[in-house]
């Protein structure tokens, strides 16, 4: 369906690439040079998500970064045994940054409120980008860090932590500097 309309050998069709390019320029890839942006776009994969389908499931491992080129996702989480709607993500936004950074279980479920057109970057593709365009990967990781820091600041530095019953609870980060350590590890160094 939407996936077939956006695919061309797993790469972005020329019709979607300009939208992805413009959106990247305005967000996480804002400081990239033209050649670096083209390398980032080239390692992305277009995909569609029909209305009602789950993109990321709470508690499941998630290591891909997504850009919502078109559509809207709802953010839901099980808190205290009850599913709670936390908000929406509209087109022009990125999702999956936390899973991309830490590779752990997703802290929320993302469901398509309408058919969505997405651009996906798997962690292995971005690790390849780090080899071929190290500056581009560094800029992207730095901007992901900024985005996560802004979200933490917005939520009062609260985050979701898994509980024994398969749910999640709101907590504060366990120790100062966790984001710096996580980003340093992702970049291949030590904090």
N, C-alpha and C. Protein backbone atom coordinates (compact mmCIF):
# COMPACT_ATOMS: atom_id res chain seq x y z
N UNK A 1 0.85 -1.18 0.00
CA UNK A 1 0.00 0.00 0.00
C UNK A 1 0.89 1.23 0.00
N UNK A 2 0.93 1.99 1.09
CA UNK A 2 1.77 3.19 1.14
C UNK A 2 3.23 2.81 0.98
N UNK A 3 3.62 1.66 1.56
CA UNK A 3 4.99 1.19 1.46
C UNK A 3 5.41 1.02 0.01
N UNK A 4 4.57 0.39 -0.80
CA UNK A 4 4.88 0.17 -2.20
C UNK A 4 4.96 1.49 -2.96
N UNK A 5 4.16 2.45 -2.59
CA UNK A 5 4.17 3.74 -3.27
C UNK A 5 5.44 4.52 -2.98
N UNK A 6 6.11 4.22 -1.88
CA UNK A 6 7.28 4.98 -1.48
C UNK A 6 8.59 4.28 -1.77
N UNK A 7 8.56 2.99 -2.06
CA UNK A 7 9.79 2.22 -2.24
C UNK A 7 10.29 2.25 -3.66
N UNK A 8 11.56 2.15 -3.76
CA UNK A 8 12.23 1.91 -5.03
C UNK A 8 13.51 1.20 -4.66
N UNK A 9 13.45 -0.12 -4.59
CA UNK A 9 14.61 -0.89 -4.19
C UNK A 9 15.02 -0.62 -2.76
N UNK A 10 14.08 -0.25 -1.90
CA UNK A 10 14.39 0.01 -0.50
C UNK A 10 14.93 1.41 -0.26
N UNK A 11 15.24 2.12 -1.30
CA UNK A 11 15.77 3.48 -1.16
C UNK A 11 14.66 4.49 -1.37
N UNK A 12 14.92 5.72 -1.02
CA UNK A 12 13.91 6.76 -1.19
C UNK A 12 13.69 7.07 -2.66
N UNK A 13 12.45 7.06 -3.05
CA UNK A 13 12.12 7.47 -4.41
C UNK A 13 12.43 8.95 -4.56
N UNK A 14 12.76 9.39 -5.75
CA UNK A 14 13.06 10.81 -5.96
C UNK A 14 11.95 11.74 -5.50
N UNK A 15 10.68 11.28 -5.56
CA UNK A 15 9.58 12.15 -5.15
C UNK A 15 9.58 12.40 -3.64
N UNK A 16 10.05 11.45 -2.83
CA UNK A 16 10.08 11.63 -1.38
C UNK A 16 11.37 12.28 -0.92
N UNK A 17 12.45 12.05 -1.64
CA UNK A 17 13.74 12.57 -1.23
C UNK A 17 13.74 14.08 -0.99
N UNK A 18 13.12 14.92 -1.85
CA UNK A 18 13.14 16.36 -1.57
C UNK A 18 12.45 16.72 -0.26
N UNK A 19 11.34 16.05 0.06
CA UNK A 19 10.65 16.33 1.32
C UNK A 19 11.51 15.90 2.50
N UNK A 20 12.11 14.72 2.39
CA UNK A 20 12.99 14.24 3.46
C UNK A 20 14.19 15.16 3.61
N UNK A 21 14.75 15.59 2.50
CA UNK A 21 15.92 16.47 2.51
C UNK A 21 15.58 17.79 3.22
N UNK A 22 14.46 18.40 2.87
CA UNK A 22 14.06 19.67 3.47
C UNK A 22 13.80 19.51 4.97
N UNK A 23 13.14 18.43 5.33
CA UNK A 23 12.83 18.20 6.74
C UNK A 23 14.09 17.93 7.54
N UNK A 24 14.99 17.14 6.98
CA UNK A 24 16.26 16.86 7.66
C UNK A 24 17.03 18.15 7.88
N UNK A 25 17.03 19.00 6.87
CA UNK A 25 17.75 20.26 6.93
C UNK A 25 17.24 21.13 8.08
N UNK A 26 15.95 21.01 8.38
CA UNK A 26 15.36 21.84 9.42
C UNK A 26 15.39 21.20 10.80
N UNK A 27 15.86 19.94 10.90
CA UNK A 27 15.78 19.27 12.20
C UNK A 27 17.11 18.64 12.58
N UNK A 28 17.12 17.32 12.77
CA UNK A 28 18.31 16.65 13.31
C UNK A 28 19.55 16.77 12.44
N UNK A 29 19.39 16.99 11.16
CA UNK A 29 20.55 17.08 10.27
C UNK A 29 20.82 18.52 9.85
N UNK A 30 20.41 19.45 10.68
CA UNK A 30 20.46 20.87 10.33
C UNK A 30 21.86 21.38 9.96
N UNK A 31 22.90 20.86 10.56
CA UNK A 31 24.25 21.40 10.35
C UNK A 31 25.08 20.61 9.34
N UNK A 32 24.43 19.76 8.57
CA UNK A 32 25.18 18.94 7.62
C UNK A 32 25.48 19.71 6.34
N UNK A 33 26.64 19.43 5.76
CA UNK A 33 26.96 19.95 4.43
C UNK A 33 26.10 19.19 3.41
N UNK A 34 26.01 19.72 2.21
CA UNK A 34 25.17 19.09 1.18
C UNK A 34 25.55 17.64 0.92
N UNK A 35 26.85 17.35 0.78
CA UNK A 35 27.28 15.97 0.50
C UNK A 35 26.96 15.04 1.66
N UNK A 36 27.05 15.55 2.89
CA UNK A 36 26.73 14.74 4.07
C UNK A 36 25.23 14.46 4.15
N UNK A 37 24.43 15.47 3.82
CA UNK A 37 22.99 15.29 3.82
C UNK A 37 22.59 14.25 2.78
N UNK A 38 23.21 14.31 1.61
CA UNK A 38 22.92 13.32 0.57
C UNK A 38 23.30 11.91 1.03
N UNK A 39 24.41 11.78 1.76
CA UNK A 39 24.82 10.47 2.28
C UNK A 39 23.81 9.97 3.31
N UNK A 40 23.31 10.86 4.16
CA UNK A 40 22.30 10.48 5.15
C UNK A 40 21.01 10.04 4.45
N UNK A 41 20.55 10.81 3.48
CA UNK A 41 19.34 10.46 2.74
C UNK A 41 19.51 9.11 2.04
N UNK A 42 20.70 8.89 1.47
CA UNK A 42 20.95 7.65 0.72
C UNK A 42 20.86 6.40 1.60
N UNK A 43 21.18 6.52 2.88
CA UNK A 43 21.11 5.32 3.73
C UNK A 43 19.75 5.17 4.40
N UNK A 44 18.80 6.09 4.10
CA UNK A 44 17.44 5.97 4.61
C UNK A 44 16.61 5.04 3.75
N UNK A 45 15.53 4.55 4.32
CA UNK A 45 14.62 3.64 3.62
C UNK A 45 13.21 4.17 3.80
N UNK A 46 12.51 4.35 2.71
CA UNK A 46 11.11 4.80 2.77
C UNK A 46 10.22 3.64 3.17
N UNK A 47 9.24 3.93 4.00
CA UNK A 47 8.27 2.90 4.37
C UNK A 47 6.94 3.55 4.69
N UNK A 48 5.90 2.78 4.52
CA UNK A 48 4.56 3.25 4.83
C UNK A 48 4.01 2.52 6.04
N UNK A 49 3.12 3.16 6.75
CA UNK A 49 2.48 2.54 7.91
C UNK A 49 0.99 2.84 7.83
N UNK A 50 0.17 1.80 7.57
CA UNK A 50 -1.28 2.01 7.46
C UNK A 50 -1.89 2.47 8.79
N UNK A 51 -2.99 3.16 8.69
CA UNK A 51 -3.73 3.62 9.87
C UNK A 51 -3.99 2.45 10.82
N UNK A 52 -3.75 2.67 12.11
CA UNK A 52 -4.00 1.66 13.13
C UNK A 52 -2.85 0.70 13.38
N UNK A 53 -1.84 0.70 12.51
CA UNK A 53 -0.69 -0.20 12.68
C UNK A 53 0.31 0.38 13.68
N UNK A 54 1.02 -0.52 14.36
CA UNK A 54 2.02 -0.14 15.36
C UNK A 54 3.38 0.01 14.68
N UNK A 55 4.04 1.14 14.93
CA UNK A 55 5.40 1.36 14.43
C UNK A 55 6.41 0.83 15.43
N UNK A 56 6.24 1.21 16.67
CA UNK A 56 7.13 0.79 17.75
C UNK A 56 6.24 0.34 18.91
N UNK A 57 6.54 -0.83 19.48
CA UNK A 57 5.73 -1.37 20.57
C UNK A 57 6.47 -1.24 21.90
N UNK A 58 5.79 -0.73 22.90
CA UNK A 58 6.36 -0.58 24.23
C UNK A 58 6.90 -1.91 24.72
N UNK A 59 8.10 -1.89 25.27
CA UNK A 59 8.72 -3.08 25.81
C UNK A 59 9.52 -3.88 24.81
N UNK A 60 9.34 -3.62 23.52
CA UNK A 60 10.08 -4.33 22.47
C UNK A 60 11.35 -3.57 22.12
N UNK A 61 12.40 -4.29 21.74
CA UNK A 61 13.63 -3.59 21.33
C UNK A 61 13.36 -2.73 20.10
N UNK A 62 14.00 -1.59 20.06
CA UNK A 62 13.84 -0.67 18.94
C UNK A 62 15.17 0.03 18.70
N UNK A 63 15.73 -0.12 17.51
CA UNK A 63 17.02 0.51 17.26
C UNK A 63 17.04 1.33 15.98
N UNK A 64 15.86 1.66 15.46
CA UNK A 64 15.79 2.46 14.24
C UNK A 64 15.33 3.87 14.57
N UNK A 65 15.78 4.79 13.75
CA UNK A 65 15.40 6.18 13.83
C UNK A 65 14.44 6.44 12.67
N UNK A 66 13.34 7.14 12.92
CA UNK A 66 12.33 7.39 11.89
C UNK A 66 12.07 8.88 11.77
N UNK A 67 11.81 9.30 10.54
CA UNK A 67 11.32 10.64 10.29
C UNK A 67 9.91 10.50 9.75
N UNK A 68 8.96 11.22 10.34
CA UNK A 68 7.56 11.17 9.89
C UNK A 68 7.42 12.21 8.77
N UNK A 69 7.45 11.73 7.53
CA UNK A 69 7.35 12.63 6.38
C UNK A 69 5.91 13.08 6.15
N UNK A 70 4.97 12.20 6.46
CA UNK A 70 3.55 12.51 6.31
C UNK A 70 2.76 11.65 7.28
N UNK A 71 1.74 12.23 7.89
CA UNK A 71 0.87 11.46 8.77
C UNK A 71 1.00 11.88 10.22
N UNK A 72 0.37 11.09 11.08
CA UNK A 72 0.35 11.39 12.52
C UNK A 72 0.36 10.09 13.30
N UNK A 73 1.17 10.06 14.35
CA UNK A 73 1.27 8.90 15.24
C UNK A 73 0.75 9.28 16.62
N UNK A 74 0.10 8.34 17.29
CA UNK A 74 -0.24 8.57 18.70
C UNK A 74 0.80 7.86 19.55
N UNK A 75 1.08 8.43 20.70
CA UNK A 75 2.05 7.89 21.64
C UNK A 75 1.26 7.35 22.82
N UNK A 76 1.43 6.06 23.10
CA UNK A 76 0.68 5.40 24.17
C UNK A 76 1.63 4.62 25.06
N UNK A 77 1.29 4.49 26.33
CA UNK A 77 2.12 3.69 27.25
C UNK A 77 1.23 3.04 28.30
N UNK A 78 1.67 1.88 28.75
CA UNK A 78 1.00 1.21 29.87
C UNK A 78 1.62 1.75 31.14
N UNK A 79 0.82 2.41 31.94
CA UNK A 79 1.25 2.95 33.21
C UNK A 79 0.30 2.46 34.29
N UNK A 80 0.85 1.80 35.31
CA UNK A 80 0.00 1.29 36.37
C UNK A 80 -1.05 0.32 35.87
N UNK A 81 -0.73 -0.49 34.86
CA UNK A 81 -1.65 -1.48 34.34
C UNK A 81 -2.70 -0.94 33.38
N UNK A 82 -2.64 0.34 33.08
CA UNK A 82 -3.64 0.95 32.20
C UNK A 82 -2.93 1.63 31.03
N UNK A 83 -3.51 1.49 29.82
CA UNK A 83 -2.93 2.18 28.66
C UNK A 83 -3.34 3.65 28.69
N UNK A 84 -2.33 4.52 28.58
CA UNK A 84 -2.54 5.96 28.64
C UNK A 84 -2.04 6.58 27.34
N UNK A 85 -2.83 7.45 26.78
CA UNK A 85 -2.39 8.20 25.59
C UNK A 85 -1.56 9.38 26.07
N UNK A 86 -0.30 9.43 25.62
CA UNK A 86 0.62 10.47 26.08
C UNK A 86 0.67 11.68 25.16
N UNK A 87 0.29 11.50 23.90
CA UNK A 87 0.32 12.62 22.97
C UNK A 87 0.34 12.15 21.53
N UNK A 88 0.70 13.08 20.64
CA UNK A 88 0.76 12.82 19.21
C UNK A 88 2.08 13.30 18.64
N UNK A 89 2.47 12.69 17.54
CA UNK A 89 3.64 13.13 16.79
C UNK A 89 3.16 13.38 15.36
N UNK A 90 3.30 14.61 14.91
CA UNK A 90 2.86 14.98 13.57
C UNK A 90 4.00 14.86 12.57
N UNK A 91 3.67 15.01 11.30
CA UNK A 91 4.69 14.97 10.26
C UNK A 91 5.70 16.08 10.53
N UNK A 92 6.92 15.82 10.10
CA UNK A 92 8.00 16.78 10.31
C UNK A 92 8.79 16.51 11.58
N UNK A 93 8.47 15.43 12.29
CA UNK A 93 9.17 15.10 13.53
C UNK A 93 9.87 13.74 13.43
N UNK A 94 10.84 13.56 14.29
CA UNK A 94 11.60 12.32 14.38
C UNK A 94 11.07 11.49 15.53
N UNK A 95 11.15 10.17 15.41
CA UNK A 95 10.79 9.26 16.50
C UNK A 95 11.82 8.14 16.54
N UNK A 96 11.91 7.51 17.69
CA UNK A 96 12.82 6.38 17.84
C UNK A 96 14.21 6.75 18.32
N UNK A 97 14.42 8.02 18.67
CA UNK A 97 15.76 8.44 19.09
C UNK A 97 16.26 7.69 20.32
N UNK A 98 15.39 7.47 21.29
CA UNK A 98 15.84 6.80 22.52
C UNK A 98 16.27 5.37 22.21
N UNK A 99 15.46 4.62 21.48
CA UNK A 99 15.82 3.26 21.11
C UNK A 99 17.06 3.21 20.24
N UNK A 100 17.20 4.19 19.36
CA UNK A 100 18.38 4.26 18.51
C UNK A 100 19.63 4.47 19.36
N UNK A 101 19.52 5.33 20.38
CA UNK A 101 20.67 5.64 21.23
C UNK A 101 21.00 4.49 22.16
N UNK A 102 20.00 3.93 22.85
CA UNK A 102 20.33 2.92 23.87
C UNK A 102 20.02 1.48 23.48
N UNK A 103 19.27 1.27 22.40
CA UNK A 103 18.98 -0.08 21.93
C UNK A 103 18.11 -0.90 22.87
N UNK A 104 17.60 -0.28 23.91
CA UNK A 104 16.78 -1.00 24.88
C UNK A 104 15.33 -1.07 24.46
N UNK A 105 14.48 -1.57 25.35
CA UNK A 105 13.06 -1.68 25.03
C UNK A 105 12.40 -0.30 24.91
N UNK A 106 11.47 -0.20 23.98
CA UNK A 106 10.75 1.05 23.79
C UNK A 106 9.93 1.39 25.04
N UNK A 107 9.92 2.65 25.39
CA UNK A 107 9.19 3.09 26.58
C UNK A 107 7.76 3.47 26.27
N UNK A 108 7.40 3.47 24.99
CA UNK A 108 6.03 3.79 24.59
C UNK A 108 5.71 3.08 23.28
N UNK A 109 4.43 3.01 22.97
CA UNK A 109 3.95 2.45 21.71
C UNK A 109 3.56 3.58 20.79
N UNK A 110 3.96 3.48 19.53
CA UNK A 110 3.59 4.48 18.52
C UNK A 110 2.67 3.81 17.52
N UNK A 111 1.47 4.39 17.34
CA UNK A 111 0.45 3.83 16.46
C UNK A 111 0.06 4.89 15.43
N UNK A 112 -0.08 4.47 14.17
CA UNK A 112 -0.48 5.40 13.10
C UNK A 112 -1.94 5.82 13.30
N UNK A 113 -2.16 7.11 13.46
CA UNK A 113 -3.52 7.66 13.56
C UNK A 113 -4.12 7.79 12.17
N UNK A 114 -3.26 7.85 11.17
CA UNK A 114 -3.64 7.89 9.76
C UNK A 114 -2.48 7.25 9.01
N UNK A 115 -2.68 6.94 7.74
CA UNK A 115 -1.58 6.34 6.98
C UNK A 115 -0.39 7.28 6.99
N UNK A 116 0.76 6.74 7.30
CA UNK A 116 1.98 7.54 7.43
C UNK A 116 3.02 7.16 6.38
N UNK A 117 3.77 8.15 5.95
CA UNK A 117 4.96 7.94 5.12
C UNK A 117 6.14 8.26 6.01
N UNK A 118 7.04 7.30 6.14
CA UNK A 118 8.17 7.44 7.05
C UNK A 118 9.48 7.22 6.31
N UNK A 119 10.53 7.77 6.87
CA UNK A 119 11.87 7.44 6.42
C UNK A 119 12.54 6.78 7.61
N UNK A 120 13.10 5.60 7.40
CA UNK A 120 13.72 4.82 8.47
C UNK A 120 15.23 4.76 8.28
N UNK A 121 15.95 4.92 9.37
CA UNK A 121 17.39 4.70 9.39
C UNK A 121 17.68 3.66 10.45
N UNK A 122 18.16 2.51 10.03
CA UNK A 122 18.53 1.46 10.97
C UNK A 122 19.90 1.80 11.55
N UNK A 123 20.15 1.33 12.74
CA UNK A 123 21.40 1.62 13.43
C UNK A 123 22.60 1.17 12.60
N UNK A 124 22.51 0.00 11.95
CA UNK A 124 23.65 -0.48 11.16
C UNK A 124 23.94 0.44 9.97
N UNK A 125 22.91 1.00 9.36
CA UNK A 125 23.12 1.93 8.24
C UNK A 125 23.80 3.21 8.73
N UNK A 126 23.41 3.67 9.91
CA UNK A 126 24.04 4.87 10.44
C UNK A 126 25.46 4.61 10.94
N UNK A 127 25.74 3.37 11.35
CA UNK A 127 27.12 3.02 11.71
C UNK A 127 27.99 3.03 10.46
N UNK A 128 27.44 2.62 9.34
CA UNK A 128 28.16 2.71 8.06
C UNK A 128 28.41 4.17 7.71
N UNK A 129 27.41 5.02 7.95
CA UNK A 129 27.57 6.45 7.70
C UNK A 129 28.74 6.99 8.52
N UNK A 130 28.87 6.49 9.74
CA UNK A 130 29.97 6.93 10.61
C UNK A 130 31.32 6.61 9.98
N UNK A 131 31.40 5.50 9.25
CA UNK A 131 32.67 5.12 8.59
C UNK A 131 32.94 5.97 7.36
N UNK A 132 31.88 6.22 6.56
CA UNK A 132 32.08 6.92 5.30
C UNK A 132 32.00 8.44 5.42
N UNK A 133 31.22 8.93 6.36
CA UNK A 133 31.04 10.37 6.58
C UNK A 133 31.03 10.63 8.09
N UNK A 134 32.20 10.53 8.75
CA UNK A 134 32.23 10.64 10.21
C UNK A 134 31.68 11.95 10.76
N UNK A 135 31.92 13.04 10.07
CA UNK A 135 31.40 14.32 10.54
C UNK A 135 29.87 14.32 10.51
N UNK A 136 29.28 13.75 9.46
CA UNK A 136 27.82 13.70 9.35
C UNK A 136 27.23 12.90 10.51
N UNK A 137 27.83 11.76 10.81
CA UNK A 137 27.35 10.94 11.92
C UNK A 137 27.48 11.69 13.24
N UNK A 138 28.58 12.39 13.43
CA UNK A 138 28.78 13.15 14.67
C UNK A 138 27.74 14.26 14.82
N UNK A 139 27.47 14.97 13.74
CA UNK A 139 26.47 16.03 13.78
C UNK A 139 25.10 15.44 14.11
N UNK A 140 24.76 14.35 13.46
CA UNK A 140 23.47 13.71 13.71
C UNK A 140 23.35 13.27 15.17
N UNK A 141 24.37 12.62 15.69
CA UNK A 141 24.35 12.16 17.09
C UNK A 141 24.26 13.35 18.05
N UNK A 142 25.02 14.40 17.76
CA UNK A 142 24.96 15.60 18.62
C UNK A 142 23.55 16.17 18.62
N UNK A 143 22.92 16.23 17.44
CA UNK A 143 21.57 16.79 17.36
C UNK A 143 20.54 15.88 18.02
N UNK A 144 20.74 14.57 17.95
CA UNK A 144 19.87 13.65 18.68
C UNK A 144 20.00 13.92 20.18
N UNK A 145 21.23 14.10 20.64
CA UNK A 145 21.46 14.42 22.05
C UNK A 145 20.75 15.69 22.47
N UNK A 146 20.82 16.70 21.64
CA UNK A 146 20.13 17.97 21.93
C UNK A 146 18.62 17.75 22.01
N UNK A 147 18.09 16.99 21.04
CA UNK A 147 16.65 16.71 21.02
C UNK A 147 16.22 15.97 22.29
N UNK A 148 17.00 14.96 22.68
CA UNK A 148 16.67 14.21 23.89
C UNK A 148 16.77 15.09 25.13
N UNK A 149 17.80 15.93 25.18
CA UNK A 149 17.96 16.84 26.32
C UNK A 149 16.78 17.80 26.42
N UNK A 150 16.33 18.32 25.28
CA UNK A 150 15.17 19.22 25.30
C UNK A 150 13.92 18.49 25.78
N UNK A 151 13.74 17.25 25.34
CA UNK A 151 12.57 16.49 25.80
C UNK A 151 12.64 16.23 27.29
N UNK A 152 13.83 15.89 27.79
CA UNK A 152 13.97 15.67 29.23
C UNK A 152 13.68 16.93 30.02
N UNK A 153 14.18 18.04 29.52
CA UNK A 153 13.93 19.32 30.19
C UNK A 153 12.44 19.62 30.20
N UNK A 154 11.78 19.35 29.08
CA UNK A 154 10.35 19.59 28.96
C UNK A 154 9.54 18.71 29.91
N UNK A 155 9.98 17.49 30.15
CA UNK A 155 9.24 16.59 31.02
C UNK A 155 9.71 16.66 32.47
N UNK A 156 10.53 17.65 32.81
CA UNK A 156 11.04 17.75 34.17
C UNK A 156 12.04 16.65 34.46
N UNK A 157 12.77 16.24 33.43
CA UNK A 157 13.80 15.20 33.53
C UNK A 157 13.23 13.86 33.97
N UNK A 158 11.95 13.63 33.73
CA UNK A 158 11.35 12.34 34.02
C UNK A 158 11.51 11.42 32.82
N UNK A 159 11.53 10.15 33.09
CA UNK A 159 11.61 9.16 32.03
C UNK A 159 10.80 7.94 32.46
N UNK A 160 10.61 6.98 31.56
CA UNK A 160 9.88 5.77 31.89
C UNK A 160 10.86 4.63 32.13
N UNK A 161 10.59 3.85 33.16
CA UNK A 161 11.44 2.70 33.50
C UNK A 161 10.57 1.45 33.56
N UNK A 162 11.06 0.32 33.01
CA UNK A 162 10.26 -0.91 33.05
C UNK A 162 10.02 -1.38 34.49
N UNK A 163 8.84 -1.98 34.72
CA UNK A 163 8.53 -2.56 36.02
C UNK A 163 8.43 -4.08 35.87
N UNK A 164 8.42 -4.80 36.98
CA UNK A 164 8.40 -6.26 36.97
C UNK A 164 7.15 -6.83 36.32
N UNK A 165 6.03 -6.09 36.36
CA UNK A 165 4.78 -6.59 35.79
C UNK A 165 4.63 -6.31 34.30
N UNK A 166 5.70 -5.83 33.66
CA UNK A 166 5.66 -5.56 32.23
C UNK A 166 5.20 -4.16 31.88
N UNK A 167 4.88 -3.37 32.89
CA UNK A 167 4.49 -1.98 32.66
C UNK A 167 5.68 -1.05 32.78
N UNK A 168 5.42 0.22 32.94
CA UNK A 168 6.46 1.22 33.10
C UNK A 168 6.03 2.18 34.19
N UNK A 169 7.02 2.87 34.78
CA UNK A 169 6.71 3.91 35.75
C UNK A 169 7.58 5.12 35.45
N UNK A 170 7.08 6.30 35.81
CA UNK A 170 7.85 7.52 35.61
C UNK A 170 8.92 7.64 36.69
N UNK A 171 10.14 7.91 36.27
CA UNK A 171 11.25 8.08 37.21
C UNK A 171 12.17 9.19 36.71
N UNK A 172 13.08 9.59 37.54
CA UNK A 172 14.14 10.52 37.15
C UNK A 172 15.33 9.68 36.69
N UNK A 173 16.18 10.19 35.79
CA UNK A 173 17.37 9.43 35.40
C UNK A 173 18.17 9.02 36.63
N UNK A 174 18.74 7.82 36.58
CA UNK A 174 19.43 7.24 37.73
C UNK A 174 20.64 8.04 38.17
N UNK A 175 21.38 8.60 37.24
CA UNK A 175 22.58 9.32 37.64
C UNK A 175 22.83 10.47 36.69
N UNK A 176 23.45 11.55 37.22
CA UNK A 176 23.80 12.66 36.34
C UNK A 176 24.77 12.20 35.26
N UNK A 177 24.64 12.76 34.09
CA UNK A 177 25.57 12.45 33.02
C UNK A 177 25.22 11.23 32.20
N UNK A 178 24.04 10.62 32.44
CA UNK A 178 23.69 9.40 31.70
C UNK A 178 23.60 9.65 30.21
N UNK A 179 23.07 10.82 29.81
CA UNK A 179 22.95 11.10 28.39
C UNK A 179 24.33 11.27 27.76
N UNK A 180 25.23 11.97 28.44
CA UNK A 180 26.59 12.17 27.95
C UNK A 180 27.29 10.83 27.78
N UNK A 181 27.15 9.93 28.76
CA UNK A 181 27.77 8.61 28.67
C UNK A 181 27.19 7.79 27.52
N UNK A 182 25.88 7.85 27.36
CA UNK A 182 25.22 7.10 26.30
C UNK A 182 25.69 7.58 24.94
N UNK A 183 25.75 8.89 24.75
CA UNK A 183 26.19 9.44 23.47
C UNK A 183 27.67 9.13 23.22
N UNK A 184 28.49 9.18 24.25
CA UNK A 184 29.90 8.86 24.08
C UNK A 184 30.07 7.40 23.66
N UNK A 185 29.30 6.51 24.28
CA UNK A 185 29.36 5.10 23.92
C UNK A 185 28.93 4.90 22.47
N UNK A 186 27.85 5.57 22.07
CA UNK A 186 27.36 5.47 20.70
C UNK A 186 28.41 5.95 19.70
N UNK A 187 29.16 6.94 20.06
CA UNK A 187 30.19 7.49 19.17
C UNK A 187 31.45 6.63 19.18
N UNK A 188 31.47 5.58 20.01
CA UNK A 188 32.60 4.66 20.01
C UNK A 188 33.68 5.00 21.03
N UNK A 189 33.41 5.98 21.88
CA UNK A 189 34.39 6.36 22.89
C UNK A 189 33.91 6.05 24.28
N UNK A 190 34.61 6.55 25.23
CA UNK A 190 34.22 6.38 26.64
C UNK A 190 33.96 7.76 27.23
N UNK A 191 33.03 7.83 28.17
CA UNK A 191 32.71 9.10 28.81
C UNK A 191 33.73 9.45 29.86
